[in-house]
Each structure stands twice: as structure tokens, then as C-alpha cells.
Amino acid sequence: LAADKASGQAFDPHLGVGMRCRAHCFASGLIMRAVGDRMIIAPPLIMTRADLDELANRIRTVLDLTMQELRREGIWP
């Protein structure tokens, strides 16, 4: 997760953006680990295409929820 994707500029660590995203993950039934503002996932090695599609959709959802939260709070444009 980055404040500026083009430059890779990080969010202020005091904002806890990774932990905010993690909270959305858990609320959405997705287990991802926050390491700073990096989100780590360890999916099973054997997954069906449908499983992969659902995983990608859940990840997209929690990233969108995190972005919406940061925008509501004026942290991200």
C-alpha cells in the first residue's frame, strides 16, 4: 500500500494503513497479514480457478474499502 503509486512514497507509519486494511480483510472473511503497509497472503498451493477468482475479488474489495476509508478521512486524494 502506497500513498503515491508512481513514486512508491509510503504512508506515514503512524496512520497504520496496513492494519486498517487488515481489519477490512478480517471483516470480509479474508486472512491477510499486514507487515507495515505490505499485505501478505499465503494461499493454498492447490486452488481451483473459481477459488482464485474469489480470492482476487475479496482482495479487490478490501483494497477498495481501505481506499474509501482513507479518502473519507482526507488521508488519500
N, C-alpha and C. Protein backbone atom coordinates (compact mmCIF):
# COMPACT_ATOMS: atom_id res chain seq x y z
N LEU A 1 0.86 -1.16 0.00
CA LEU A 1 0.00 0.00 0.00
C LEU A 1 0.90 1.22 0.00
N ALA A 2 0.64 2.17 -0.90
CA ALA A 2 1.50 3.35 -1.03
C ALA A 2 0.65 4.60 -1.15
N ALA A 3 1.15 5.68 -0.57
CA ALA A 3 0.47 6.97 -0.67
C ALA A 3 0.50 7.47 -2.12
N ASP A 4 1.60 7.18 -2.82
CA ASP A 4 1.75 7.57 -4.22
C ASP A 4 2.31 6.39 -5.00
N LYS A 5 1.47 5.80 -5.82
CA LYS A 5 1.85 4.59 -6.56
C LYS A 5 3.03 4.87 -7.50
N ALA A 6 3.01 6.00 -8.18
CA ALA A 6 4.06 6.31 -9.17
C ALA A 6 5.45 6.39 -8.54
N SER A 7 5.53 7.07 -7.41
CA SER A 7 6.84 7.24 -6.77
C SER A 7 7.14 6.18 -5.72
N GLY A 8 6.08 5.46 -5.29
CA GLY A 8 6.27 4.46 -4.23
C GLY A 8 6.33 5.08 -2.84
N GLN A 9 5.96 6.36 -2.74
CA GLN A 9 6.00 7.04 -1.45
C GLN A 9 5.08 6.34 -0.46
N ALA A 10 5.61 6.04 0.71
CA ALA A 10 4.85 5.33 1.73
C ALA A 10 3.93 6.27 2.50
N PHE A 11 2.91 5.68 3.12
CA PHE A 11 2.07 6.42 4.05
C PHE A 11 2.85 6.68 5.33
N ASP A 12 2.45 7.69 6.05
CA ASP A 12 3.02 7.95 7.38
C ASP A 12 2.76 6.69 8.22
N PRO A 13 3.80 6.10 8.80
CA PRO A 13 3.60 4.86 9.58
C PRO A 13 2.61 5.01 10.73
N HIS A 14 2.45 6.21 11.25
CA HIS A 14 1.53 6.42 12.37
C HIS A 14 0.07 6.27 11.96
N LEU A 15 -0.21 6.28 10.66
CA LEU A 15 -1.59 6.13 10.19
C LEU A 15 -2.06 4.68 10.27
N GLY A 16 -1.13 3.73 10.30
CA GLY A 16 -1.49 2.32 10.41
C GLY A 16 -2.34 1.82 9.25
N VAL A 17 -1.99 2.23 8.04
CA VAL A 17 -2.79 1.86 6.87
C VAL A 17 -2.84 0.35 6.68
N GLY A 18 -1.75 -0.33 6.91
CA GLY A 18 -1.74 -1.79 6.78
C GLY A 18 -2.72 -2.45 7.75
N MET A 19 -2.75 -1.98 8.97
CA MET A 19 -3.67 -2.55 9.96
C MET A 19 -5.12 -2.20 9.65
N ARG A 20 -5.34 -1.04 9.05
CA ARG A 20 -6.69 -0.68 8.61
C ARG A 20 -7.16 -1.66 7.53
N CYS A 21 -6.27 -1.93 6.58
CA CYS A 21 -6.59 -2.87 5.51
C CYS A 21 -6.83 -4.26 6.09
N ARG A 22 -6.01 -4.66 7.04
CA ARG A 22 -6.15 -5.96 7.68
C ARG A 22 -7.52 -6.09 8.36
N ALA A 23 -7.97 -5.02 8.99
CA ALA A 23 -9.29 -5.04 9.64
C ALA A 23 -10.39 -5.28 8.60
N HIS A 24 -10.27 -4.63 7.45
CA HIS A 24 -11.25 -4.86 6.38
C HIS A 24 -11.16 -6.31 5.88
N CYS A 25 -9.95 -6.84 5.81
CA CYS A 25 -9.77 -8.23 5.39
C CYS A 25 -10.53 -9.17 6.31
N PHE A 26 -10.27 -9.04 7.60
CA PHE A 26 -10.90 -9.95 8.56
C PHE A 26 -12.42 -9.80 8.54
N ALA A 27 -12.91 -8.57 8.40
CA ALA A 27 -14.36 -8.33 8.36
C ALA A 27 -14.99 -8.93 7.10
N SER A 28 -14.17 -9.11 6.07
CA SER A 28 -14.65 -9.66 4.79
C SER A 28 -14.37 -11.16 4.64
N GLY A 29 -13.87 -11.78 5.71
CA GLY A 29 -13.59 -13.21 5.66
C GLY A 29 -12.32 -13.57 4.92
N LEU A 30 -11.41 -12.63 4.83
CA LEU A 30 -10.14 -12.85 4.14
C LEU A 30 -9.01 -12.71 5.15
N ILE A 31 -8.10 -13.65 5.16
CA ILE A 31 -6.98 -13.58 6.09
C ILE A 31 -5.74 -13.14 5.32
N MET A 32 -5.31 -11.91 5.60
CA MET A 32 -4.05 -11.39 5.07
C MET A 32 -3.31 -10.77 6.24
N ARG A 33 -2.02 -10.86 6.19
CA ARG A 33 -1.18 -10.33 7.27
C ARG A 33 -0.62 -8.99 6.84
N ALA A 34 -0.66 -8.04 7.74
CA ALA A 34 -0.07 -6.72 7.48
C ALA A 34 1.34 -6.70 8.05
N VAL A 35 2.31 -6.37 7.21
CA VAL A 35 3.69 -6.15 7.64
C VAL A 35 3.99 -4.71 7.24
N GLY A 36 3.80 -3.81 8.20
CA GLY A 36 3.83 -2.40 7.86
C GLY A 36 2.64 -2.14 6.94
N ASP A 37 2.91 -1.56 5.79
CA ASP A 37 1.86 -1.32 4.80
C ASP A 37 1.91 -2.33 3.66
N ARG A 38 2.57 -3.44 3.90
CA ARG A 38 2.60 -4.53 2.92
C ARG A 38 1.62 -5.60 3.38
N MET A 39 0.82 -6.06 2.45
CA MET A 39 -0.17 -7.09 2.76
C MET A 39 0.36 -8.42 2.24
N ILE A 40 0.39 -9.40 3.12
CA ILE A 40 0.95 -10.72 2.81
C ILE A 40 -0.18 -11.75 2.82
N ILE A 41 -0.21 -12.56 1.77
CA ILE A 41 -1.20 -13.62 1.70
C ILE A 41 -0.48 -14.92 1.34
N ALA A 42 -0.93 -16.01 1.93
CA ALA A 42 -0.33 -17.32 1.66
C ALA A 42 -1.45 -18.29 1.29
N PRO A 43 -1.88 -18.23 0.04
CA PRO A 43 -2.97 -19.12 -0.37
C PRO A 43 -2.49 -20.57 -0.48
N PRO A 44 -3.42 -21.51 -0.43
CA PRO A 44 -3.03 -22.90 -0.61
C PRO A 44 -2.43 -23.12 -2.00
N LEU A 45 -1.56 -24.08 -2.12
CA LEU A 45 -0.92 -24.34 -3.40
C LEU A 45 -1.88 -24.98 -4.41
N ILE A 46 -2.93 -25.61 -3.91
CA ILE A 46 -3.90 -26.24 -4.79
C ILE A 46 -5.20 -25.45 -4.67
N MET A 47 -5.51 -24.70 -5.73
CA MET A 47 -6.74 -23.91 -5.76
C MET A 47 -7.38 -24.07 -7.14
N THR A 48 -8.69 -24.03 -7.15
CA THR A 48 -9.39 -24.06 -8.43
C THR A 48 -9.41 -22.66 -9.02
N ARG A 49 -9.76 -22.56 -10.26
CA ARG A 49 -9.90 -21.24 -10.90
C ARG A 49 -10.95 -20.41 -10.16
N ALA A 50 -12.03 -21.06 -9.75
CA ALA A 50 -13.09 -20.36 -9.01
C ALA A 50 -12.56 -19.83 -7.68
N ASP A 51 -11.72 -20.63 -7.00
CA ASP A 51 -11.11 -20.19 -5.74
C ASP A 51 -10.24 -18.96 -5.98
N LEU A 52 -9.44 -19.01 -7.03
CA LEU A 52 -8.56 -17.87 -7.36
C LEU A 52 -9.37 -16.63 -7.68
N ASP A 53 -10.46 -16.80 -8.43
CA ASP A 53 -11.31 -15.66 -8.76
C ASP A 53 -11.93 -15.05 -7.51
N GLU A 54 -12.39 -15.91 -6.59
CA GLU A 54 -12.97 -15.40 -5.35
C GLU A 54 -11.91 -14.68 -4.51
N LEU A 55 -10.71 -15.24 -4.44
CA LEU A 55 -9.63 -14.61 -3.70
C LEU A 55 -9.32 -13.22 -4.27
N ALA A 56 -9.21 -13.14 -5.59
CA ALA A 56 -8.92 -11.86 -6.24
C ALA A 56 -10.04 -10.85 -5.98
N ASN A 57 -11.28 -11.31 -6.02
CA ASN A 57 -12.41 -10.41 -5.76
C ASN A 57 -12.41 -9.91 -4.33
N ARG A 58 -12.10 -10.78 -3.39
CA ARG A 58 -12.06 -10.35 -1.98
C ARG A 58 -10.91 -9.37 -1.74
N ILE A 59 -9.78 -9.63 -2.35
CA ILE A 59 -8.65 -8.70 -2.21
C ILE A 59 -9.02 -7.35 -2.80
N ARG A 60 -9.61 -7.33 -3.97
CA ARG A 60 -10.04 -6.08 -4.60
C ARG A 60 -11.02 -5.33 -3.69
N THR A 61 -11.95 -6.07 -3.10
CA THR A 61 -12.95 -5.46 -2.22
C THR A 61 -12.29 -4.79 -1.02
N VAL A 62 -11.38 -5.50 -0.34
CA VAL A 62 -10.77 -4.91 0.86
C VAL A 62 -9.86 -3.74 0.50
N LEU A 63 -9.21 -3.80 -0.64
CA LEU A 63 -8.39 -2.65 -1.06
C LEU A 63 -9.28 -1.44 -1.34
N ASP A 64 -10.42 -1.69 -1.98
CA ASP A 64 -11.37 -0.60 -2.24
C ASP A 64 -11.91 -0.03 -0.93
N LEU A 65 -12.25 -0.89 0.02
CA LEU A 65 -12.75 -0.43 1.32
C LEU A 65 -11.70 0.41 2.04
N THR A 66 -10.45 -0.02 1.97
CA THR A 66 -9.37 0.72 2.62
C THR A 66 -9.22 2.08 1.95
N MET A 67 -9.24 2.12 0.62
CA MET A 67 -9.12 3.38 -0.11
C MET A 67 -10.27 4.32 0.27
N GLN A 68 -11.49 3.80 0.34
CA GLN A 68 -12.64 4.63 0.70
C GLN A 68 -12.48 5.21 2.11
N GLU A 69 -11.99 4.39 3.04
CA GLU A 69 -11.78 4.87 4.41
C GLU A 69 -10.75 5.99 4.43
N LEU A 70 -9.64 5.81 3.71
CA LEU A 70 -8.60 6.83 3.69
C LEU A 70 -9.09 8.11 3.04
N ARG A 71 -9.91 8.00 2.02
CA ARG A 71 -10.48 9.18 1.36
C ARG A 71 -11.46 9.90 2.29
N ARG A 72 -12.31 9.15 3.00
CA ARG A 72 -13.26 9.77 3.95
C ARG A 72 -12.53 10.59 5.00
N GLU A 73 -11.37 10.10 5.40
CA GLU A 73 -10.60 10.77 6.45
C GLU A 73 -9.65 11.82 5.90
N GLY A 74 -9.65 12.01 4.56
CA GLY A 74 -8.79 13.02 3.96
C GLY A 74 -7.32 12.65 3.94
N ILE A 75 -7.02 11.36 4.09
CA ILE A 75 -5.63 10.90 4.10
C ILE A 75 -5.12 10.67 2.69
N TRP A 76 -6.02 10.31 1.79
CA TRP A 76 -5.64 9.98 0.41
C TRP A 76 -6.57 10.73 -0.52
N PRO A 77 -6.05 11.22 -1.64
CA PRO A 77 -6.90 12.05 -2.53
C PRO A 77 -8.05 11.34 -3.18
